[in-house]
Amino acid sequence: RFVPKRMVPFSFPLSKCALWDPVPMGDVIGAHVTYYRNPRLSLVEKTLRLAYRHAKQNEKKSFSCFLLGTLAADEDGEGITLTIDRFDPGREV
């Protein structure tokens, strides 16, 4: 199967005790969410307006924030929908 060059293999933090054999087995497969499903993004207008207002009021050129939402499979099983419906400006500290 085709694996894009920008994808990187999974890596886990080092530990003193291994729970499985880390030697790769089998063929490489793609594990990207869009590999088997058709993605759809839904963004609530109120959330977008809050993020835009916060960005305009912020004195820094770049800032961090969170856009929160839900990920759900469609009824027909052919697609997934990411619905972003909340904005969290985060904390400065």
Protein backbone atom coordinates (compact mmCIF):
# COMPACT_ATOMS: atom_id res chain seq x y z
CA ARG A 1 0.00 0.00 0.00
CA PHE A 2 1.04 3.58 -0.63
CA VAL A 3 2.34 5.42 2.42
CA PRO A 4 2.98 9.18 1.93
CA LYS A 5 6.46 10.38 2.81
CA ARG A 6 5.14 12.94 5.30
CA MET A 7 3.74 10.22 7.56
CA VAL A 8 5.97 9.13 10.43
CA PRO A 9 5.90 5.83 12.32
CA PHE A 10 4.36 5.59 15.77
CA SER A 11 6.75 6.11 18.65
CA PHE A 12 6.21 5.59 22.33
CA PRO A 13 8.06 7.03 25.35
CA LEU A 14 10.96 5.01 26.67
CA SER A 15 10.20 2.80 29.65
CA LYS A 16 12.11 0.40 31.86
CA CYS A 17 9.80 -2.50 31.03
CA ALA A 18 8.57 -3.41 27.53
CA LEU A 19 5.07 -4.82 27.29
CA TRP A 20 5.55 -6.08 23.71
CA ASP A 21 8.26 -7.02 21.27
CA PRO A 22 9.27 -3.75 19.48
CA VAL A 23 10.56 -5.53 16.34
CA PRO A 24 8.38 -4.59 13.30
CA MET A 25 6.33 -7.45 11.82
CA GLY A 26 4.38 -7.54 8.55
CA ASP A 27 3.83 -4.97 5.83
CA VAL A 28 3.64 -1.22 6.38
CA ILE A 29 0.08 0.12 6.32
CA GLY A 30 -1.33 3.64 6.39
CA ALA A 31 -3.16 4.56 9.59
CA HIS A 32 -4.42 7.98 8.55
CA VAL A 33 -8.03 8.90 9.34
CA THR A 34 -8.73 9.80 5.70
CA TYR A 35 -7.30 6.57 4.32
CA TYR A 36 -10.61 4.71 4.38
CA ARG A 37 -13.19 7.43 5.04
CA ASN A 38 -14.34 10.71 3.49
CA PRO A 39 -13.73 13.52 6.02
CA ARG A 40 -16.06 16.48 6.53
CA LEU A 41 -15.39 19.53 8.70
CA SER A 42 -18.21 21.46 10.31
CA LEU A 43 -17.41 24.70 12.15
CA VAL A 44 -20.03 26.58 14.18
CA GLU A 45 -20.10 30.25 13.15
CA LYS A 46 -20.21 31.48 16.76
CA THR A 47 -16.99 29.58 17.52
CA LEU A 48 -15.25 31.07 14.50
CA ARG A 49 -16.36 34.59 15.45
CA LEU A 50 -15.08 34.14 19.04
CA ALA A 51 -11.69 32.93 17.78
CA TYR A 52 -11.47 35.80 15.29
CA ARG A 53 -12.37 38.41 17.95
CA HIS A 54 -9.83 36.95 20.36
CA ALA A 55 -7.12 37.04 17.66
CA LYS A 56 -7.86 40.69 16.84
CA GLN A 57 -7.76 41.71 20.53
CA ASN A 58 -4.54 39.84 21.21
CA GLU A 59 -1.47 42.09 21.10
CA LYS A 60 0.92 39.28 20.13
CA LYS A 61 1.34 38.21 16.53
CA SER A 62 0.93 34.55 17.47
CA PHE A 63 -0.95 33.03 20.36
CA SER A 64 -2.18 29.60 21.36
CA CYS A 65 -5.77 28.52 21.80
CA PHE A 66 -7.93 25.41 21.55
CA LEU A 67 -10.74 24.56 19.17
CA LEU A 68 -12.77 21.72 20.68
CA GLY A 69 -15.32 19.47 19.06
CA THR A 70 -16.50 15.96 18.34
CA LEU A 71 -15.54 13.34 15.80
CA ALA A 72 -18.31 11.02 14.61
CA ALA A 73 -18.75 8.39 11.93
CA ASP A 74 -21.59 9.02 9.48
CA GLU A 75 -24.64 6.76 9.54
CA ASP A 76 -23.69 5.07 6.28
CA GLY A 77 -20.20 4.33 7.61
CA GLU A 78 -18.55 5.91 4.58
CA GLY A 79 -17.43 9.20 6.12
CA ILE A 80 -16.49 10.98 9.31
CA THR A 81 -17.52 14.42 10.49
CA LEU A 82 -15.42 16.67 12.73
CA THR A 83 -17.70 19.25 14.33
CA ILE A 84 -15.85 22.13 16.01
CA ASP A 85 -18.23 23.88 18.37
CA ARG A 86 -16.17 25.34 21.22
CA PHE A 87 -13.36 27.86 21.55
CA ASP A 88 -10.97 27.98 24.50
CA PRO A 89 -8.41 30.83 24.53
CA GLY A 90 -6.25 28.93 27.02
CA ARG A 91 -4.11 30.54 29.67
CA GLU A 92 -1.05 32.71 29.40
CA VAL A 93 0.79 30.74 32.11
